C-alpha cells in the first residue's frame, strides 16, 4: 500500500482525519471492513510526558480540557492536530512513488504545518512488509520511542511505536488493525 495513492473521503488536504470520525466508523463496521476502507498505517497525533511540563502517559484533551492543555504543553500549535490521524500513504501526484514524505511543506504526502517540523522532515518506506522511517536531516531531529534518530539512516518503525518529529509533534504509528481497535476504545 505504500506506493499506491489512496485517499478516504474523510481525510483533509493535509492527510488527516479526526479520531472521533474514525471511532464512529470503527463502531459501525468489522475490523476487516475497516482495514479495507483504511488500508494504510495511521499516525495518531498524541501528547506524551515529553510534550508537557508535567504528567504521565498519553494525554487525552477530553479528560482535562483544552484550557488546561494550553497551559501545560510547550506550544499550542500542536492543538490543531491533536487527536487526529494521518495515513502513511502517497498523495496523488506527489513525486517519489516509493517514499512517503512528511513535513511542513504542502508538497509532502502528510503535512504538519508547525514551525518546529522541517519542510521535508523525513519519509516512510515499506520494504517487504516492514515499515521504516528516515529523518531527512531535519533541523530539530526525530526520535522513535524517545531514541534519537541519526539523519539519513533508515530505522525500523513498528506497530504502536511513538515517532517524535522536532520538539513538539508525537505520533503513534498504528497498523490498520490496531487503529481499528484504538478507535473503538475512544
Protein backbone atom coordinates (compact mmCIF):
# COMPACT_ATOMS: atom_id res chain seq x y z
CA UNK A 1 0.00 0.00 0.00
CA UNK A 2 2.98 2.32 0.40
CA UNK A 3 3.41 3.24 -3.26
CA UNK A 4 -0.23 3.43 -4.36
CA UNK A 5 -2.08 6.75 -3.98
CA UNK A 6 -5.08 6.36 -1.69
CA UNK A 7 -7.39 8.80 -0.01
CA UNK A 8 -10.51 8.23 2.09
CA UNK A 9 -13.25 10.85 1.67
CA UNK A 10 -12.94 11.97 5.33
CA UNK A 11 -9.23 12.81 5.04
CA UNK A 12 -8.40 16.53 4.79
CA UNK A 13 -5.89 18.18 2.44
CA UNK A 14 -3.04 17.68 4.90
CA UNK A 15 -3.75 13.94 5.10
CA UNK A 16 -5.56 13.81 8.48
CA UNK A 17 -8.96 12.77 9.85
CA UNK A 18 -10.24 13.17 13.40
CA UNK A 19 -10.05 10.16 15.69
CA UNK A 20 -13.71 10.85 16.57
CA UNK A 21 -14.75 10.19 12.94
CA UNK A 22 -12.64 7.03 12.84
CA UNK A 23 -14.14 5.90 16.16
CA UNK A 24 -17.67 6.33 14.81
CA UNK A 25 -16.79 4.35 11.68
CA UNK A 26 -14.95 1.62 13.66
CA UNK A 27 -18.02 1.04 15.82
CA UNK A 28 -20.18 0.59 12.71
CA UNK A 29 -18.08 -1.91 10.78
CA UNK A 30 -15.94 -5.01 11.35
CA UNK A 31 -12.17 -4.93 11.55
CA UNK A 32 -11.93 -6.47 8.06
CA UNK A 33 -14.19 -3.76 6.59
CA UNK A 34 -12.22 -1.05 8.43
CA UNK A 35 -8.91 -2.37 7.08
CA UNK A 36 -10.36 -2.48 3.57
CA UNK A 37 -11.53 1.15 3.89
CA UNK A 38 -8.32 2.36 5.65
CA UNK A 39 -5.53 0.05 4.40
CA UNK A 40 -2.61 2.33 5.26
CA UNK A 41 -0.97 2.61 8.70
CA UNK A 42 -2.13 5.57 10.75
CA UNK A 43 -0.16 8.18 12.65
CA UNK A 44 -2.21 9.26 15.68
CA UNK A 45 -1.18 12.69 16.99
CA UNK A 46 -0.88 12.43 20.79
CA UNK A 47 0.65 14.24 23.74
CA UNK A 48 3.09 12.38 25.96
CA UNK A 49 5.17 13.24 29.04
CA UNK A 50 7.89 14.77 26.92
CA UNK A 51 5.32 17.12 25.30
CA UNK A 52 4.05 18.64 28.55
CA UNK A 53 5.52 20.38 31.58
CA UNK A 54 4.38 17.56 33.91
CA UNK A 55 2.19 14.47 33.81
CA UNK A 56 2.49 10.86 32.71
CA UNK A 57 1.43 8.67 29.83
CA UNK A 58 -0.60 9.69 26.78
CA UNK A 59 -2.92 12.62 27.42
CA UNK A 60 -6.45 12.99 26.08
CA UNK A 61 -7.69 16.59 25.78
CA UNK A 62 -11.22 15.48 26.62
CA UNK A 63 -10.00 14.36 30.07
CA UNK A 64 -8.62 17.68 31.27
CA UNK A 65 -9.94 20.26 28.84
CA UNK A 66 -8.16 22.29 26.18
CA UNK A 67 -7.51 25.24 28.52
CA UNK A 68 -5.50 23.08 30.92
CA UNK A 69 -3.57 21.59 27.98
CA UNK A 70 -2.70 25.00 26.57
CA UNK A 71 -1.20 25.96 29.93
CA UNK A 72 0.92 22.80 30.16
CA UNK A 73 2.18 21.97 26.63
CA UNK A 74 5.31 23.51 25.18
CA UNK A 75 3.48 25.06 22.22
CA UNK A 76 -0.19 25.44 21.34
CA UNK A 77 0.48 24.92 17.62
CA UNK A 78 0.07 21.16 18.11
CA UNK A 79 -3.56 21.57 19.25
CA UNK A 80 -4.74 21.82 15.64
CA UNK A 81 -3.54 18.23 15.04
CA UNK A 82 -4.23 16.71 18.44
CA UNK A 83 -6.35 13.53 18.29
CA UNK A 84 -6.20 13.39 14.51
CA UNK A 85 -4.86 10.50 12.48
CA UNK A 86 -2.76 10.87 9.35
CA UNK A 87 -2.33 7.97 6.96
CA UNK A 88 1.05 6.75 5.73
CA UNK A 89 0.25 6.76 2.03
CA UNK A 90 1.01 8.66 -1.17
CA UNK A 91 -0.99 11.69 -2.18
CA UNK A 92 -1.91 11.57 -5.86
CA UNK A 93 0.59 13.48 -7.97
CA UNK A 94 3.41 13.59 -5.43
CA UNK A 95 6.85 12.52 -6.67
CA UNK A 96 9.00 9.59 -5.49
CA UNK A 97 6.41 6.81 -5.54
CA UNK A 98 8.36 4.63 -3.10
CA UNK A 99 8.82 7.38 -0.45
CA UNK A 100 6.01 8.77 1.72
CA UNK A 101 7.18 12.21 2.82
CA UNK A 102 6.11 14.01 5.99
CA UNK A 103 6.87 17.60 6.90
CA UNK A 104 5.77 21.23 6.91
CA UNK A 105 5.70 21.79 3.13
CA UNK A 106 2.35 21.35 1.37
CA UNK A 107 4.14 19.18 -1.21
CA UNK A 108 4.54 16.33 1.34
CA UNK A 109 2.23 13.32 1.46
CA UNK A 110 1.47 14.19 5.10
CA UNK A 111 1.59 17.86 6.04
CA UNK A 112 2.19 19.06 9.60
CA UNK A 113 2.15 22.85 9.44
CA UNK A 114 4.17 23.52 12.60
CA UNK A 115 7.33 25.65 12.58
CA UNK A 116 9.46 23.13 14.51
CA UNK A 117 8.83 20.48 11.83
CA UNK A 118 11.18 20.77 8.83
CA UNK A 119 9.81 21.38 5.32
CA UNK A 120 10.60 17.77 4.42
CA UNK A 121 11.22 16.28 7.85
CA UNK A 122 11.52 12.65 6.82
CA UNK A 123 9.95 9.82 4.91
CA UNK A 124 8.48 6.34 5.31
CA UNK A 125 9.27 3.31 3.17
CA UNK A 126 7.60 -0.10 3.19
CA UNK A 127 10.06 -2.81 2.27
CA UNK A 128 8.91 -6.44 2.19
CA UNK A 129 6.04 -5.67 4.58
CA UNK A 130 8.23 -3.85 7.14
CA UNK A 131 8.00 -0.11 7.69
CA UNK A 132 11.00 2.20 8.03
CA UNK A 133 11.34 5.91 8.80
CA UNK A 134 14.27 8.09 7.76
CA UNK A 135 14.95 11.56 9.17
CA UNK A 136 15.95 13.72 6.21
CA UNK A 137 18.49 15.84 8.14
CA UNK A 138 15.70 17.80 9.84
CA UNK A 139 16.61 20.86 11.87
CA UNK A 140 15.04 19.68 15.14
CA UNK A 141 15.57 15.94 14.72
CA UNK A 142 13.37 12.86 15.12
CA UNK A 143 13.10 10.01 17.60
CA UNK A 144 11.38 6.63 17.78
CA UNK A 145 10.29 5.70 21.31
CA UNK A 146 12.46 8.59 22.63
CA UNK A 147 15.57 7.15 20.90
CA UNK A 148 17.05 9.93 18.71
CA UNK A 149 17.44 9.03 15.04
CA UNK A 150 20.59 9.63 13.09
CA UNK A 151 19.81 11.72 9.99
CA UNK A 152 19.77 9.75 6.75
CA UNK A 153 19.63 6.35 8.49
CA UNK A 154 16.65 4.10 7.68
CA UNK A 155 15.18 2.98 11.02
CA UNK A 156 12.50 0.30 11.53
CA UNK A 157 9.19 1.53 12.93
CA UNK A 158 6.71 -0.98 14.31
CA UNK A 159 3.08 -1.07 15.36
CA UNK A 160 2.42 1.11 18.45
CA UNK A 161 5.84 2.87 18.29
CA UNK A 162 5.98 6.58 19.05
CA UNK A 163 7.61 8.86 16.46
CA UNK A 164 8.65 12.34 17.55
CA UNK A 165 9.17 14.99 14.88
CA UNK A 166 11.02 18.07 16.07
CA UNK A 167 10.30 19.26 19.59
CA UNK A 168 6.51 19.13 19.83
CA UNK A 169 4.95 16.55 17.50
CA UNK A 170 4.44 12.99 18.76
CA UNK A 171 2.74 10.44 16.53
CA UNK A 172 1.84 6.86 17.39
CA UNK A 173 2.37 4.52 14.43
CA UNK A 174 -0.62 2.15 14.19
CA UNK A 175 -1.20 -0.64 11.70
CA UNK A 176 -4.81 -0.69 10.39
CA UNK A 177 -5.99 -3.48 12.72
CA UNK A 178 -4.54 -1.71 15.76
CA UNK A 179 -6.04 1.60 14.62
CA UNK A 180 -9.47 -0.07 14.42
CA UNK A 181 -9.06 -1.35 17.98
CA UNK A 182 -7.83 2.03 19.33
CA UNK A 183 -10.64 3.87 17.55
CA UNK A 184 -13.27 1.57 19.08
CA UNK A 185 -11.86 2.38 22.55
CA UNK A 186 -12.38 6.12 22.08
